[in-house]
Structure formats: C-alpha cells, structure tokens
Amino acid sequence: MNNPANSQFIASSNSHYLINKAEKVFGEAQYELSVQYYTLALQQLTSTVDTVYILYMRGCAYKALGQVGKAKEDWHQAQSLNLKHPTGVDLVEMALAQV
C-alpha cells in the first residue's frame, strides 16, 4: 500500500540522518563534506526550523572554508524565513555581525 505519510517520514528520517552526518564532519573540520551533507538535507526538508538551522550551519561551514560570500547568502536566506528562537538568541544575526 502506497502511503504518502510513509514517504514523508522516510524523507524526514533521511534528512535528519544527513544533518547528523553533517554535524559530525563539521566537528571534525571537514567543512567541504559538511556543506555537501547540509545541501543534500536541504533538498529534502519541509520544516522551517530545520531549514533555518541547516542554512545557519552550512553558512558556518562556508565561513570556515573562507567563502564568506556564500556564508552570508545562507545566513540572509535563513533570516528571510523570519523564524524567532524561543530564547531570543539570534545566532544568524550574531554570525552576520562577525563578518
């Protein structure tokens, strides 16, 4: 039986797997690989919260690679989604202020 909820769950599970892989390699300073995993995860997401997080983190990886222009693009795109953190901390704004 073809259940659309199953395919959405599989895509969500896969995107979170990719996010976890991206975080792992980011922590190991493998920034190019991290960008690749974050990019793949972005292609599968529907959650605004996850999208903002990935854009922020991919921007951090771009910054670490010296690609500040790409980092700013991701951070501005994250800001355009108008998601406010519950504690009022705006990591995207802080990252933009540092470049």
Foldseek 3Di string as FASTA:
>chain_A
DDDPVVVLVVLVVQLVVLQVVLVVVVVVVVLVVSLVSLVVSCVRDDDLVSQLVSLQVNLVSCVSVVNNVSSLVSLVVSVVSVDADPVRDDVSVVVVVVD
